[in-house]
Amino acid sequence: MAATRVYVARLAGLVVLGPDGESIGRVRDVVVAVRYDGQQPRIHGLVVELPTRRRIFVPMLRVTAIEPGVVTLNTGTVSLRRFAQRPGELLALAQIVDSSVRVNDPDLPDLDGIDVFVADLAIEQTRTRDWVVTRVAVRGHRRIGRRRTVHVVDWMQVSGLTPYEVGRPGQDVTQLLSQFEGMRAADVAHLLRELPEKRRIEVAEALDDERLADVVQELPDDEQVDLLGHLEVRRAADVLEAMDPDDAADLLGELSKGERESLLALMDPEESEPVRRLLEHSPDTAGGLMTPKPIVLTPATTVAEALARVRNPDLTPALASMVFVVRPPTATPTGRYLGCVHIQQLLREPPAHLVGALLDNDLSPLLPDVPLGAVTRYFATYNLVCAAVVDAENHLLGAVSVDDVLDHLLPQDWRDQEEVHVRVAGHE
């Protein structure tokens, strides 16, 4: 049965179907038009994310039913124009939820005169088929060892939900962060880019260093620089420490020399040293593309030990495809390179065998000054997803992986480009 009253937080992620039952996308937010006459805010429509990740606007008059798990439209024809927020509009999940408000409800005297936070909004359909905000769920500050109580009050008893008030800094992000739980860093980065700048910064400040580092690595270069610039400088250095050295070097390479040196000086020397070495190479060479932290083993390492290293969940699939064998020590750039062992070879050998007996000596490593084009041809010629980089004395410097090559081959705005041939409600 179609609902005539729903809470917006429950709409997030629901599948949107056309009248023929074909999936169009998923609900990502609700567009609220705040009125200055004190009347209930109207719901202009839904922000729907297509399979291409493009976010479009679907007017609420196109919504024929909201049911558990699905939103159905009365037409399969929707505008594919990218959603753009208009003056006077607020996004329910990205901006209103978690904002600070005051409640004037005679039945809740304990809330009188104190700041509380919006936990959710109830929207209802009127007789004219319009949808309006009717109720607001609010929560107080968390007390140690206790859950925060949620109260549902009438919209007219809430003050502070205006574009000006919602736009003030320091807004909570509890509900917003809950949407990111369990998501891949690349998907979080995409959602972060869709947020208003204020909320984007507040979410970034709330994420822990490791999570933020993973997300930053998935942003375009200019947006990485912008986000880093909004962080306190000590925090920025901590995030750089948590990033992969090659990604940190790429980001620092976009900054001025003074900014770069200031951040490097604040980083732990063990973390900054490999980044400094990478910055010595041109970004479009093997030395600039490589990571200094591939899997490096000695010849006496057993196959069982090698496979245990490969199983590290922090490794990308490309880096896990190959191990590199050197004479001790194994820390780059000190060990003399002996050869590599492919993961398929490791899987075929008894666990007690030594990797030193399995070396692929026919695959010549790359030198750090080899340009991007030559690296690409090298990968294509030998069907590789990972390759060693050595210096003139045959010391292992690091490894180039195919994901780093692709990042430099694709146009800078590749994250903004979408597939052309996408079916929407039965139409090409």
Protein backbone atom coordinates (compact mmCIF):
# COMPACT_ATOMS: atom_id res chain seq x y z
CA MET A 1 0.00 0.00 0.00
CA ALA A 2 1.32 3.45 -0.93
CA ALA A 3 2.21 5.67 2.02
CA THR A 4 0.91 9.21 2.45
CA ARG A 5 3.33 9.98 5.29
CA VAL A 6 7.01 8.96 5.23
CA TYR A 7 10.24 9.94 6.95
CA VAL A 8 12.87 11.22 4.54
CA ALA A 9 15.72 9.19 6.05
CA ARG A 10 13.87 6.04 5.02
CA LEU A 11 13.74 7.25 1.42
CA ALA A 12 17.52 7.29 1.07
CA GLY A 13 18.66 4.55 -1.27
CA LEU A 14 15.17 3.44 -2.34
CA VAL A 15 14.87 2.18 -5.92
CA VAL A 16 12.96 4.50 -8.27
CA LEU A 17 10.84 2.70 -10.87
CA GLY A 18 9.08 3.91 -13.98
CA PRO A 19 5.45 2.92 -14.66
CA ASP A 20 6.64 -0.17 -16.54
CA GLY A 21 8.59 -1.38 -13.50
CA GLU A 22 12.03 -0.62 -14.95
CA SER A 23 14.59 0.80 -12.53
CA ILE A 24 15.62 4.40 -13.14
CA GLY A 25 17.95 4.93 -10.19
CA ARG A 26 17.96 5.46 -6.44
CA VAL A 27 16.79 8.25 -4.16
CA ARG A 28 19.70 10.23 -2.74
CA ASP A 29 17.92 13.24 -1.21
CA VAL A 30 14.71 15.23 -0.92
CA VAL A 31 14.45 18.85 -2.08
CA VAL A 32 12.64 21.07 0.45
CA ALA A 33 11.39 24.59 -0.33
CA VAL A 34 11.52 26.58 2.91
CA ARG A 35 8.79 29.22 3.13
CA TYR A 36 9.21 32.51 4.93
CA ASP A 37 5.50 32.89 5.79
CA GLY A 38 5.68 30.23 8.49
CA GLN A 39 3.71 27.70 6.47
CA GLN A 40 4.72 24.10 6.08
CA PRO A 41 7.64 23.72 3.64
CA ARG A 42 6.73 22.09 0.33
CA ILE A 43 8.65 19.18 -1.13
CA HIS A 44 9.75 20.15 -4.62
CA GLY A 45 11.01 16.70 -5.56
CA LEU A 46 13.62 13.98 -5.23
CA VAL A 47 17.28 13.89 -6.11
CA VAL A 48 17.69 10.59 -7.98
CA GLU A 49 21.03 9.06 -8.84
CA LEU A 50 21.11 7.26 -12.20
CA PRO A 51 23.27 4.16 -12.80
CA THR A 52 25.80 6.53 -14.43
CA ARG A 53 26.06 8.41 -11.08
CA ARG A 54 24.49 11.50 -12.61
CA ARG A 55 22.07 13.08 -10.15
CA ILE A 56 18.83 14.40 -11.62
CA PHE A 57 15.76 16.14 -10.24
CA VAL A 58 12.40 14.35 -10.27
CA PRO A 59 9.39 16.56 -9.32
CA MET A 60 7.16 15.16 -6.60
CA LEU A 61 4.17 15.42 -8.94
CA ARG A 62 5.84 12.64 -10.95
CA VAL A 63 5.73 10.35 -7.89
CA THR A 64 2.70 8.12 -7.96
CA ALA A 65 3.51 5.91 -4.97
CA ILE A 66 5.99 5.53 -2.13
CA GLU A 67 6.03 1.96 -0.88
CA PRO A 68 8.41 -0.07 1.31
CA GLY A 69 11.64 -0.37 -0.66
CA VAL A 70 10.51 1.45 -3.81
CA VAL A 71 9.33 4.77 -5.24
CA THR A 72 7.17 4.55 -8.39
CA LEU A 73 6.81 7.33 -10.97
CA ASN A 74 3.80 7.98 -13.20
CA THR A 75 6.00 8.49 -16.25
CA GLY A 76 9.12 6.98 -17.74
CA THR A 77 10.18 10.29 -19.24
CA VAL A 78 12.51 12.21 -16.94
CA SER A 79 14.88 15.08 -17.55
CA LEU A 80 18.49 13.91 -17.57
CA ARG A 81 19.76 17.40 -16.79
CA ARG A 82 22.13 17.33 -13.81
CA PHE A 83 20.45 18.45 -10.59
CA ALA A 84 21.24 22.01 -9.54
CA GLN A 85 20.02 23.38 -6.24
CA ARG A 86 18.03 26.63 -6.52
CA PRO A 87 17.85 29.58 -4.10
CA GLY A 88 15.42 28.90 -1.28
CA GLU A 89 15.83 25.13 -1.57
CA LEU A 90 17.41 22.90 1.06
CA LEU A 91 18.42 19.26 0.81
CA ALA A 92 16.71 17.31 3.56
CA LEU A 93 19.45 14.74 4.17
CA ALA A 94 22.53 16.74 3.23
CA GLN A 95 21.59 20.02 4.93
CA ILE A 96 18.55 19.89 7.23
CA VAL A 97 19.16 16.61 9.08
CA ASP A 98 21.75 17.14 11.85
CA SER A 99 21.16 20.91 11.90
CA SER A 100 20.68 22.68 15.24
CA VAL A 101 17.17 23.93 16.09
CA ARG A 102 15.05 25.11 19.02
CA VAL A 103 11.75 23.51 20.03
CA ASN A 104 8.83 25.33 21.66
CA ASP A 105 6.47 22.53 22.66
CA PRO A 106 4.44 22.83 25.90
CA ASP A 107 4.50 19.05 26.20
CA LEU A 108 8.34 19.01 26.16
CA PRO A 109 9.42 21.60 28.73
CA ASP A 110 12.87 19.98 29.09
CA LEU A 111 13.70 21.09 25.53
CA ASP A 112 12.72 24.71 26.03
CA GLY A 113 15.62 27.09 25.35
CA ILE A 114 18.23 24.46 24.45
CA ASP A 115 19.73 23.44 21.13
CA VAL A 116 18.63 20.08 19.74
CA PHE A 117 19.41 18.38 16.43
CA VAL A 118 17.13 17.35 13.60
CA ALA A 119 17.11 13.56 13.32
CA ASP A 120 14.51 13.25 10.56
CA LEU A 121 11.61 14.94 8.77
CA ALA A 122 8.12 13.55 8.25
CA ILE A 123 6.53 14.51 4.93
CA GLU A 124 2.85 14.03 4.05
CA GLN A 125 0.77 14.24 0.90
CA THR A 126 -2.10 16.74 0.92
CA ARG A 127 -5.43 16.54 -0.85
CA THR A 128 -3.96 18.58 -3.70
CA ARG A 129 -1.26 15.88 -4.13
CA ASP A 130 1.44 18.24 -2.87
CA TRP A 131 3.90 16.90 -0.30
CA VAL A 132 4.76 19.06 2.73
CA VAL A 133 6.88 18.75 5.88
CA THR A 134 4.58 18.18 8.83
CA ARG A 135 6.69 16.77 11.66
CA VAL A 136 10.30 16.98 12.81
CA ALA A 137 12.15 14.32 14.79
CA VAL A 138 14.74 15.93 17.10
CA ARG A 139 17.40 14.55 19.42
CA GLY A 140 19.45 16.10 22.19
CA HIS A 141 23.17 15.86 22.94
CA ARG A 142 24.45 12.39 23.79
CA ARG A 143 25.16 11.83 27.44
CA ILE A 144 27.95 9.48 28.46
CA GLY A 145 26.64 5.93 28.57
CA ARG A 146 23.14 6.91 27.41
CA ARG A 147 21.37 6.97 24.09
CA ARG A 148 19.90 10.23 22.90
CA THR A 149 16.10 10.34 23.14
CA VAL A 150 14.27 11.25 19.93
CA HIS A 151 11.13 13.40 20.11
CA VAL A 152 8.73 14.05 17.24
CA VAL A 153 7.20 17.52 17.22
CA ASP A 154 5.03 19.57 14.89
CA TRP A 155 6.89 21.63 12.29
CA MET A 156 5.29 24.83 13.62
CA GLN A 157 6.99 24.24 17.00
CA VAL A 158 10.50 24.25 15.52
CA SER A 159 12.60 27.34 14.84
CA GLY A 160 15.97 27.66 13.13
CA LEU A 161 15.31 25.83 9.86
CA THR A 162 16.04 28.61 7.40
CA PRO A 163 18.72 28.66 4.70
CA TYR A 164 20.65 31.18 6.81
CA GLU A 165 20.50 29.13 10.02
CA VAL A 166 21.26 25.84 8.27
CA GLY A 167 24.21 27.49 6.53
CA ARG A 168 25.99 28.36 9.76
CA PRO A 169 29.21 26.40 10.48
CA GLY A 170 29.54 23.68 13.10
CA GLN A 171 26.61 21.50 12.02
CA ASP A 172 26.52 17.93 13.29
CA VAL A 173 27.16 15.12 10.76
CA THR A 174 26.00 12.02 12.65
CA GLN A 175 23.18 11.07 10.29
CA LEU A 176 25.16 11.96 7.18
CA LEU A 177 28.11 9.78 8.22
CA SER A 178 25.79 6.85 8.86
CA GLN A 179 24.95 6.84 5.14
CA PHE A 180 28.63 6.26 4.32
CA GLU A 181 29.11 3.23 6.54
CA GLY A 182 30.26 0.18 4.60
CA MET A 183 30.68 2.13 1.35
CA ARG A 184 33.81 2.01 -0.79
CA ALA A 185 36.05 5.06 -0.59
CA ALA A 186 35.41 5.89 -4.26
CA ASP A 187 31.65 5.94 -3.67
CA VAL A 188 32.02 8.10 -0.56
CA ALA A 189 34.19 10.50 -2.58
CA HIS A 190 31.48 10.72 -5.23
CA LEU A 191 28.80 11.48 -2.63
CA LEU A 192 31.07 13.98 -0.92
CA ARG A 193 31.47 15.89 -4.19
CA GLU A 194 27.69 16.21 -4.44
CA LEU A 195 27.37 17.92 -1.04
CA PRO A 196 27.32 21.70 -0.58
CA GLU A 197 30.83 22.94 0.26
CA LYS A 198 29.99 23.64 3.90
CA ARG A 199 28.74 20.10 4.48
CA ARG A 200 31.63 18.61 2.51
CA ILE A 201 34.12 20.28 4.85
CA GLU A 202 32.18 19.30 7.98
CA VAL A 203 32.08 15.66 6.89
CA ALA A 204 35.80 15.70 6.06
CA GLU A 205 36.62 17.10 9.49
CA ALA A 206 34.53 14.37 11.15
CA LEU A 207 36.08 11.41 9.31
CA ASP A 208 39.09 9.75 10.93
CA ASP A 209 42.49 10.17 9.25
CA GLU A 210 42.57 6.74 7.58
CA ARG A 211 39.07 6.99 6.15
CA LEU A 212 39.56 10.57 4.97
CA ALA A 213 42.88 9.63 3.34
CA ASP A 214 41.19 6.84 1.39
CA VAL A 215 38.43 9.21 0.27
CA VAL A 216 40.77 12.06 -0.69
CA GLN A 217 42.73 9.71 -2.94
CA GLU A 218 39.56 9.20 -4.99
CA LEU A 219 38.93 12.91 -5.61
CA PRO A 220 40.13 14.91 -8.63
CA ASP A 221 43.45 16.73 -8.07
CA ASP A 222 41.94 20.21 -7.72
CA GLU A 223 39.34 19.00 -5.21
CA GLN A 224 42.04 17.20 -3.21
CA VAL A 225 43.95 20.47 -2.92
CA ASP A 226 40.80 22.42 -2.01
CA LEU A 227 39.75 19.97 0.70
CA LEU A 228 43.25 19.78 2.17
CA GLY A 229 43.35 23.57 2.28
CA HIS A 230 40.24 23.67 4.49
CA LEU A 231 41.82 21.41 7.11
CA GLU A 232 43.94 22.64 9.99
CA VAL A 233 47.57 22.24 8.86
CA ARG A 234 48.44 19.61 11.49
CA ARG A 235 45.39 17.57 10.47
CA ALA A 236 46.34 17.94 6.80
CA ALA A 237 49.77 16.48 7.55
CA ASP A 238 48.18 13.56 9.42
CA VAL A 239 45.94 12.80 6.45
CA LEU A 240 48.93 12.91 4.10
CA GLU A 241 50.71 10.41 6.35
CA ALA A 242 47.73 8.06 6.06
CA MET A 243 47.63 8.29 2.26
CA ASP A 244 49.54 5.98 -0.05
CA PRO A 245 52.95 7.61 -0.65
CA ASP A 246 52.42 7.95 -4.40
CA ASP A 247 49.02 9.62 -3.91
CA ALA A 248 50.46 11.91 -1.23
CA ALA A 249 53.27 12.87 -3.59
CA ASP A 250 50.81 13.62 -6.39
CA LEU A 251 48.81 15.86 -4.07
CA LEU A 252 51.84 17.67 -2.69
CA GLY A 253 53.08 18.17 -6.23
CA GLU A 254 50.01 20.36 -6.85
CA LEU A 255 50.99 22.74 -4.02
CA SER A 256 53.49 25.57 -3.95
CA LYS A 257 57.01 24.71 -2.76
CA GLY A 258 56.47 26.53 0.53
CA GLU A 259 53.19 24.73 1.30
CA ARG A 260 54.71 21.42 0.31
CA GLU A 261 57.73 21.81 2.59
CA SER A 262 55.60 22.97 5.52
CA LEU A 263 53.44 19.86 5.33
CA LEU A 264 56.38 17.50 4.80
CA ALA A 265 58.08 18.97 7.87
CA LEU A 266 55.01 18.16 9.99
CA MET A 267 54.81 14.57 8.78
CA ASP A 268 56.54 11.71 10.56
CA PRO A 269 60.01 11.29 8.95
CA GLU A 270 59.32 7.62 8.20
CA GLU A 271 56.22 8.63 6.24
CA SER A 272 57.64 11.74 4.59
CA GLU A 273 60.89 10.19 3.35
CA PRO A 274 59.34 7.93 0.66
CA VAL A 275 57.13 10.83 -0.41
CA ARG A 276 60.18 13.08 -0.80
CA ARG A 277 61.84 10.43 -2.98
CA LEU A 278 58.79 10.22 -5.22
CA LEU A 279 58.72 14.00 -5.60
CA GLU A 280 62.19 13.84 -7.15
CA HIS A 281 60.69 12.16 -10.23
CA SER A 282 58.49 13.66 -12.92
CA PRO A 283 54.85 12.62 -12.29
CA ASP A 284 54.51 11.16 -15.81
CA THR A 285 57.42 8.71 -15.47
CA ALA A 286 57.74 5.28 -13.88
CA GLY A 287 59.44 6.88 -10.88
CA GLY A 288 56.60 9.34 -10.42
CA LEU A 289 53.90 6.71 -10.90
CA MET A 290 55.33 4.05 -8.59
CA THR A 291 54.51 3.19 -5.02
CA PRO A 292 57.54 2.59 -2.76
CA LYS A 293 55.62 -0.03 -0.76
CA PRO A 294 55.00 -3.12 -2.91
CA ILE A 295 55.39 -6.63 -1.48
CA VAL A 296 59.16 -7.11 -1.10
CA LEU A 297 60.58 -10.47 0.05
CA THR A 298 63.95 -12.18 0.38
CA PRO A 299 64.81 -15.39 -1.57
CA ALA A 300 64.48 -17.42 1.66
CA THR A 301 60.79 -16.54 2.08
CA THR A 302 58.44 -19.53 1.78
CA VAL A 303 55.47 -19.65 -0.55
CA ALA A 304 53.18 -19.82 2.50
CA GLU A 305 54.67 -16.60 3.88
CA ALA A 306 54.41 -14.91 0.48
CA LEU A 307 50.72 -15.82 0.16
CA ALA A 308 50.08 -14.52 3.66
CA ARG A 309 51.53 -11.15 2.59
CA VAL A 310 49.43 -11.15 -0.57
CA ARG A 311 46.26 -11.64 1.50
CA ASN A 312 46.72 -8.23 3.16
CA PRO A 313 43.31 -6.53 2.69
CA ASP A 314 44.98 -3.11 2.45
CA LEU A 315 46.68 -4.08 -0.83
CA THR A 316 45.04 -3.24 -4.14
CA PRO A 317 44.39 -6.25 -6.41
CA ALA A 318 47.10 -4.94 -8.76
CA LEU A 319 49.80 -4.80 -6.07
CA ALA A 320 48.73 -8.20 -4.77
CA SER A 321 49.27 -9.78 -8.19
CA MET A 322 53.04 -9.95 -7.82
CA VAL A 323 55.81 -10.13 -5.19
CA PHE A 324 59.31 -8.76 -5.70
CA VAL A 325 62.40 -10.56 -4.45
CA VAL A 326 65.59 -8.75 -3.36
CA ARG A 327 68.74 -9.43 -1.42
CA PRO A 328 68.34 -8.13 2.14
CA PRO A 329 67.42 -5.55 3.31
CA THR A 330 63.90 -5.45 1.90
CA ALA A 331 63.12 -1.77 2.58
CA THR A 332 63.15 0.26 -0.63
CA PRO A 333 65.43 1.58 -2.07
CA THR A 334 68.16 -0.61 -0.55
CA GLY A 335 67.73 -4.24 -1.64
CA ARG A 336 69.28 -5.43 -4.93
CA TYR A 337 66.53 -6.66 -7.23
CA LEU A 338 66.59 -10.36 -8.14
CA GLY A 339 63.26 -10.88 -9.87
CA CYS A 340 59.52 -11.21 -9.38
CA VAL A 341 57.03 -14.01 -8.71
CA HIS A 342 53.46 -13.90 -10.04
CA ILE A 343 50.64 -14.83 -7.69
CA GLN A 344 49.52 -17.60 -10.09
CA GLN A 345 52.93 -19.20 -9.64
CA LEU A 346 52.66 -18.97 -5.85
CA LEU A 347 49.27 -20.68 -5.95
CA ARG A 348 50.67 -23.60 -7.92
CA GLU A 349 53.62 -24.33 -5.61
CA PRO A 350 53.82 -26.29 -2.32
CA PRO A 351 53.70 -23.97 0.75
CA ALA A 352 57.21 -24.95 1.91
CA HIS A 353 58.96 -24.02 -1.34
CA LEU A 354 61.12 -20.87 -1.37
CA VAL A 355 60.29 -17.90 -3.61
CA GLY A 356 63.96 -17.64 -4.58
CA ALA A 357 63.50 -20.76 -6.71
CA LEU A 358 60.47 -19.36 -8.54
CA LEU A 359 61.85 -16.09 -9.91
CA ASP A 360 60.80 -14.73 -13.28
CA ASN A 361 64.17 -13.46 -14.52
CA ASP A 362 63.04 -12.81 -18.10
CA LEU A 363 60.92 -9.77 -17.22
CA SER A 364 63.19 -6.73 -17.22
CA PRO A 365 62.26 -4.06 -14.62
CA LEU A 366 61.54 -0.43 -15.45
CA LEU A 367 63.92 2.46 -14.87
CA PRO A 368 62.50 5.48 -13.02
CA ASP A 369 62.85 7.90 -15.94
CA VAL A 370 60.84 5.74 -18.38
CA PRO A 371 57.97 7.94 -19.67
CA LEU A 372 54.28 7.12 -19.26
CA GLY A 373 53.82 6.05 -22.88
CA ALA A 374 56.61 3.49 -22.63
CA VAL A 375 55.22 2.21 -19.31
CA THR A 376 51.83 1.71 -20.96
CA ARG A 377 53.34 -0.23 -23.86
CA TYR A 378 55.36 -2.33 -21.39
CA PHE A 379 52.19 -3.31 -19.49
CA ALA A 380 50.35 -4.12 -22.72
CA THR A 381 53.25 -6.14 -24.18
CA TYR A 382 53.65 -8.40 -21.15
CA ASN A 383 49.98 -8.44 -19.98
CA LEU A 384 50.91 -7.00 -16.59
CA VAL A 385 49.03 -5.15 -13.87
CA CYS A 386 52.15 -4.47 -11.78
CA ALA A 387 55.86 -3.96 -12.58
CA ALA A 388 59.13 -3.34 -10.70
CA VAL A 389 61.07 -0.06 -10.87
CA VAL A 390 64.84 -0.16 -10.19
CA ASP A 391 67.67 2.38 -10.21
CA ALA A 392 70.90 2.22 -12.23
CA GLU A 393 72.51 0.00 -9.55
CA ASN A 394 69.56 -2.42 -9.69
CA HIS A 395 68.13 -1.44 -6.30
CA LEU A 396 64.36 -1.91 -6.10
CA LEU A 397 62.75 1.53 -5.82
CA GLY A 398 59.11 0.51 -5.95
CA ALA A 399 56.43 -0.77 -8.31
CA VAL A 400 54.03 0.74 -10.81
CA SER A 401 50.48 -0.65 -10.82
CA VAL A 402 47.94 -0.45 -13.60
CA ASP A 403 45.53 1.72 -11.57
CA ASP A 404 48.17 4.46 -11.34
CA VAL A 405 48.80 4.21 -15.09
CA LEU A 406 45.08 4.54 -15.83
CA ASP A 407 44.77 7.58 -13.55
CA HIS A 408 47.37 9.36 -15.68
CA LEU A 409 46.06 8.13 -19.04
CA LEU A 410 42.47 9.21 -18.47
CA PRO A 411 41.51 12.88 -18.91
CA GLN A 412 41.60 14.96 -15.71
CA ASP A 413 37.81 15.22 -15.63
CA TRP A 414 37.17 11.49 -16.11
CA ARG A 415 35.28 11.31 -12.83
CA ASP A 416 32.77 13.81 -14.21
CA GLN A 417 32.22 12.01 -17.50
CA GLU A 418 29.33 9.61 -17.83
CA GLU A 419 28.37 6.82 -20.14
CA VAL A 420 26.34 7.97 -23.12
CA HIS A 421 24.29 4.83 -23.73
CA VAL A 422 22.19 4.42 -20.60
CA ARG A 423 18.66 3.10 -20.59
CA VAL A 424 16.20 5.12 -18.51
CA ALA A 425 12.67 3.79 -18.20
CA GLY A 426 12.83 1.97 -21.51
CA HIS A 427 14.44 4.79 -23.50
CA GLU A 428 17.98 5.04 -24.88
